[in-house]
N, C-alpha and C. Protein backbone atom coordinates (compact mmCIF):
# COMPACT_ATOMS: atom_id res chain seq x y z
N UNK A 1 0.84 -1.18 0.00
CA UNK A 1 0.00 0.00 0.00
C UNK A 1 0.88 1.25 0.00
N UNK A 2 0.59 2.20 -0.86
CA UNK A 2 1.37 3.43 -0.99
C UNK A 2 0.87 4.45 0.02
N UNK A 3 1.81 5.04 0.75
CA UNK A 3 1.47 6.06 1.73
C UNK A 3 1.59 7.43 1.07
N UNK A 4 0.58 8.26 1.21
CA UNK A 4 0.59 9.60 0.64
C UNK A 4 0.97 10.61 1.72
N UNK A 5 1.79 11.61 1.38
CA UNK A 5 2.13 12.64 2.37
C UNK A 5 0.87 13.34 2.86
N UNK A 6 0.86 13.65 4.15
CA UNK A 6 -0.33 14.28 4.71
C UNK A 6 -0.12 15.73 5.11
N UNK A 7 1.12 16.21 5.09
CA UNK A 7 1.37 17.60 5.47
C UNK A 7 2.42 18.21 4.55
N UNK A 8 2.50 19.55 4.60
CA UNK A 8 3.49 20.26 3.79
C UNK A 8 4.91 19.85 4.17
N UNK A 9 5.15 19.60 5.45
CA UNK A 9 6.51 19.25 5.86
C UNK A 9 6.91 17.88 5.34
N UNK A 10 5.93 17.02 5.11
CA UNK A 10 6.26 15.73 4.50
C UNK A 10 6.51 15.89 3.01
N UNK A 11 5.82 16.82 2.38
CA UNK A 11 6.03 17.07 0.95
C UNK A 11 7.39 17.73 0.71
N UNK A 12 7.75 18.66 1.56
CA UNK A 12 9.02 19.39 1.47
C UNK A 12 9.72 19.24 2.82
N UNK A 13 10.56 18.22 2.96
CA UNK A 13 11.13 17.92 4.27
C UNK A 13 11.97 19.03 4.89
N UNK A 14 12.56 19.90 4.09
CA UNK A 14 13.41 20.96 4.64
C UNK A 14 12.66 22.26 4.85
N UNK A 15 11.37 22.26 4.70
CA UNK A 15 10.57 23.46 4.92
C UNK A 15 9.79 23.83 3.68
N UNK A 16 9.03 24.92 3.79
CA UNK A 16 8.19 25.33 2.67
C UNK A 16 9.01 25.92 1.53
N UNK A 17 8.48 25.83 0.32
CA UNK A 17 9.12 26.44 -0.85
C UNK A 17 8.73 27.91 -1.00
N UNK A 18 7.53 28.23 -0.52
CA UNK A 18 7.01 29.59 -0.64
C UNK A 18 6.65 30.14 0.73
N UNK A 19 6.79 31.46 0.88
CA UNK A 19 6.40 32.14 2.12
C UNK A 19 5.35 33.20 1.79
N UNK A 20 4.40 33.36 2.69
CA UNK A 20 3.48 34.49 2.57
C UNK A 20 4.26 35.74 2.99
N UNK A 21 3.72 36.91 2.71
CA UNK A 21 4.42 38.13 3.10
C UNK A 21 4.52 38.29 4.62
N UNK A 22 3.49 37.90 5.39
CA UNK A 22 3.67 37.92 6.84
C UNK A 22 4.77 36.95 7.31
N UNK A 23 4.89 35.79 6.67
CA UNK A 23 5.96 34.86 7.01
C UNK A 23 7.32 35.44 6.64
N UNK A 24 7.39 36.13 5.50
CA UNK A 24 8.62 36.81 5.10
C UNK A 24 9.02 37.84 6.15
N UNK A 25 8.03 38.63 6.60
CA UNK A 25 8.29 39.63 7.64
C UNK A 25 8.83 38.98 8.90
N UNK A 26 8.25 37.85 9.28
CA UNK A 26 8.70 37.15 10.48
C UNK A 26 10.14 36.65 10.31
N UNK A 27 10.47 36.14 9.12
CA UNK A 27 11.84 35.67 8.87
C UNK A 27 12.84 36.81 8.92
N UNK A 28 12.45 37.98 8.42
CA UNK A 28 13.35 39.13 8.41
C UNK A 28 13.29 39.91 9.73
N UNK A 29 12.33 39.54 10.58
CA UNK A 29 12.11 40.19 11.87
C UNK A 29 11.83 41.68 11.72
N UNK A 30 10.96 41.98 10.75
CA UNK A 30 10.48 43.34 10.56
C UNK A 30 8.96 43.30 10.47
N UNK A 31 8.36 44.46 10.60
CA UNK A 31 6.90 44.55 10.57
C UNK A 31 6.36 44.20 9.19
N UNK A 32 5.20 43.60 9.16
CA UNK A 32 4.57 43.21 7.89
C UNK A 32 4.36 44.42 6.98
N UNK A 33 3.95 45.54 7.54
CA UNK A 33 3.75 46.75 6.73
C UNK A 33 5.07 47.21 6.10
N UNK A 34 6.17 47.01 6.80
CA UNK A 34 7.48 47.37 6.27
C UNK A 34 7.81 46.51 5.06
N UNK A 35 7.49 45.22 5.11
CA UNK A 35 7.72 44.33 3.97
C UNK A 35 6.94 44.83 2.76
N UNK A 36 5.67 45.14 2.94
CA UNK A 36 4.84 45.63 1.84
C UNK A 36 5.42 46.93 1.26
N UNK A 37 5.84 47.84 2.15
CA UNK A 37 6.38 49.12 1.71
C UNK A 37 7.69 48.94 0.94
N UNK A 38 8.60 48.10 1.46
CA UNK A 38 9.87 47.85 0.79
C UNK A 38 9.67 47.20 -0.58
N UNK A 39 8.74 46.27 -0.66
CA UNK A 39 8.46 45.63 -1.95
C UNK A 39 7.87 46.64 -2.93
N UNK A 40 6.98 47.47 -2.46
CA UNK A 40 6.34 48.47 -3.33
C UNK A 40 7.36 49.46 -3.86
N UNK A 41 8.33 49.85 -3.04
CA UNK A 41 9.36 50.82 -3.45
C UNK A 41 10.49 50.17 -4.26
N UNK A 42 10.50 48.86 -4.32
CA UNK A 42 11.58 48.17 -5.02
C UNK A 42 12.85 48.06 -4.20
N UNK A 43 12.76 48.31 -2.90
CA UNK A 43 13.92 48.27 -2.02
C UNK A 43 14.17 46.86 -1.47
N UNK A 44 13.27 45.96 -1.72
CA UNK A 44 13.43 44.56 -1.34
C UNK A 44 13.30 43.76 -2.63
N UNK A 45 14.45 43.54 -3.31
CA UNK A 45 14.41 42.97 -4.66
C UNK A 45 14.19 41.46 -4.68
N UNK A 46 13.04 41.05 -4.17
CA UNK A 46 12.67 39.64 -4.17
C UNK A 46 11.42 39.50 -5.03
N UNK A 47 11.44 38.64 -6.05
CA UNK A 47 10.24 38.48 -6.89
C UNK A 47 9.05 37.99 -6.07
N UNK A 48 7.90 38.58 -6.33
CA UNK A 48 6.67 38.18 -5.67
C UNK A 48 5.83 37.39 -6.66
N UNK A 49 5.43 36.20 -6.26
CA UNK A 49 4.57 35.34 -7.07
C UNK A 49 3.15 35.48 -6.56
N UNK A 50 2.21 35.48 -7.44
CA UNK A 50 0.80 35.55 -7.02
C UNK A 50 0.15 34.19 -7.26
N UNK A 51 -0.41 33.66 -6.21
CA UNK A 51 -1.21 32.44 -6.29
C UNK A 51 -2.64 32.87 -6.00
N UNK A 52 -3.36 33.12 -7.06
CA UNK A 52 -4.68 33.72 -6.88
C UNK A 52 -4.48 35.14 -6.39
N UNK A 53 -5.03 35.45 -5.24
CA UNK A 53 -4.86 36.79 -4.67
C UNK A 53 -3.75 36.82 -3.62
N UNK A 54 -3.12 35.70 -3.38
CA UNK A 54 -2.15 35.61 -2.30
C UNK A 54 -0.72 35.78 -2.80
N UNK A 55 -0.04 36.88 -2.43
CA UNK A 55 1.35 37.06 -2.84
C UNK A 55 2.26 36.13 -2.02
N UNK A 56 3.23 35.55 -2.69
CA UNK A 56 4.20 34.65 -2.04
C UNK A 56 5.59 34.96 -2.58
N UNK A 57 6.60 34.60 -1.80
CA UNK A 57 7.98 34.68 -2.26
C UNK A 57 8.63 33.32 -2.10
N UNK A 58 9.52 33.00 -3.02
CA UNK A 58 10.25 31.73 -2.92
C UNK A 58 11.30 31.84 -1.84
N UNK A 59 11.42 30.81 -1.04
CA UNK A 59 12.44 30.76 0.00
C UNK A 59 13.82 30.88 -0.64
N UNK A 60 14.01 30.25 -1.79
CA UNK A 60 15.31 30.30 -2.47
C UNK A 60 15.66 31.74 -2.87
N UNK A 61 14.67 32.54 -3.28
CA UNK A 61 14.94 33.95 -3.61
C UNK A 61 15.32 34.74 -2.37
N UNK A 62 14.66 34.46 -1.26
CA UNK A 62 15.00 35.11 0.01
C UNK A 62 16.42 34.75 0.43
N UNK A 63 16.76 33.46 0.34
CA UNK A 63 18.11 33.03 0.72
C UNK A 63 19.17 33.66 -0.17
N UNK A 64 18.89 33.77 -1.47
CA UNK A 64 19.83 34.40 -2.40
C UNK A 64 20.01 35.88 -2.05
N UNK A 65 18.93 36.57 -1.78
CA UNK A 65 18.99 37.99 -1.40
C UNK A 65 19.80 38.18 -0.13
N UNK A 66 19.57 37.35 0.88
CA UNK A 66 20.30 37.48 2.14
C UNK A 66 21.78 37.17 1.95
N UNK A 67 22.11 36.20 1.11
CA UNK A 67 23.51 35.88 0.82
C UNK A 67 24.20 37.05 0.13
N UNK A 68 23.51 37.69 -0.81
CA UNK A 68 24.07 38.87 -1.48
C UNK A 68 24.31 40.00 -0.50
N UNK A 69 23.35 40.21 0.42
CA UNK A 69 23.52 41.26 1.43
C UNK A 69 24.74 40.96 2.31
N UNK A 70 24.92 39.71 2.69
CA UNK A 70 26.07 39.33 3.52
C UNK A 70 27.37 39.55 2.76
N UNK A 71 27.40 39.20 1.47
CA UNK A 71 28.59 39.41 0.65
C UNK A 71 28.91 40.90 0.53
N UNK A 72 27.88 41.71 0.30
CA UNK A 72 28.07 43.16 0.19
C UNK A 72 28.63 43.73 1.49
N UNK A 73 28.09 43.27 2.61
CA UNK A 73 28.55 43.75 3.92
C UNK A 73 30.00 43.35 4.14
N UNK A 74 30.36 42.12 3.80
CA UNK A 74 31.74 41.66 3.95
C UNK A 74 32.67 42.48 3.07
N UNK A 75 32.27 42.71 1.83
CA UNK A 75 33.09 43.51 0.91
C UNK A 75 33.27 44.94 1.42
N UNK A 76 32.21 45.50 1.98
CA UNK A 76 32.28 46.86 2.50
C UNK A 76 33.26 46.94 3.67
N UNK A 77 33.31 45.91 4.49
CA UNK A 77 34.25 45.90 5.62
C UNK A 77 35.69 45.71 5.15
N UNK A 78 35.88 44.91 4.10
CA UNK A 78 37.23 44.62 3.61
C UNK A 78 37.79 45.75 2.76
N UNK A 79 36.96 46.49 2.08
CA UNK A 79 37.41 47.53 1.17
C UNK A 79 38.28 48.59 1.84
N UNK A 80 37.88 49.16 2.98
CA UNK A 80 38.75 50.17 3.61
C UNK A 80 40.12 49.60 3.98
N UNK A 81 40.17 48.38 4.47
CA UNK A 81 41.45 47.77 4.83
C UNK A 81 42.30 47.58 3.59
N UNK A 82 41.69 47.17 2.49
CA UNK A 82 42.41 46.98 1.23
C UNK A 82 42.96 48.31 0.72
N UNK A 83 42.16 49.39 0.80
CA UNK A 83 42.62 50.70 0.33
C UNK A 83 43.79 51.20 1.16
N UNK A 84 43.72 51.03 2.48
CA UNK A 84 44.84 51.47 3.34
C UNK A 84 46.09 50.69 2.99
N UNK A 85 45.96 49.39 2.77
CA UNK A 85 47.09 48.55 2.45
C UNK A 85 47.71 48.97 1.11
N UNK A 86 46.87 49.27 0.12
CA UNK A 86 47.37 49.68 -1.20
C UNK A 86 48.11 51.00 -1.15
N UNK A 87 47.63 51.93 -0.35
CA UNK A 87 48.30 53.24 -0.24
C UNK A 87 49.68 53.10 0.41
N UNK A 88 49.80 52.16 1.34
CA UNK A 88 51.07 51.98 2.06
C UNK A 88 52.13 51.33 1.17
N UNK A 89 51.69 50.62 0.13
CA UNK A 89 52.65 49.89 -0.72
C UNK A 89 53.27 50.77 -1.74
């Protein structure tokens, strides 16, 4: 007898593929209204998918965005040290 998955976590063992905007806000630890405002202004460059009337974002897009932010922050910290080193040489 074949067993069918009964919950989303069984379908996607590592978590959901899509987040609602309130879930996105919770992950980023910011207010839901802030998420809507940032998306509307284009300051949160994460594609929004519409499933009917419900906007969703892919977890993979969120992870990619956060990785880019971390890389930018690391580069910003390293850049001044690199410039000082270059001037001394």
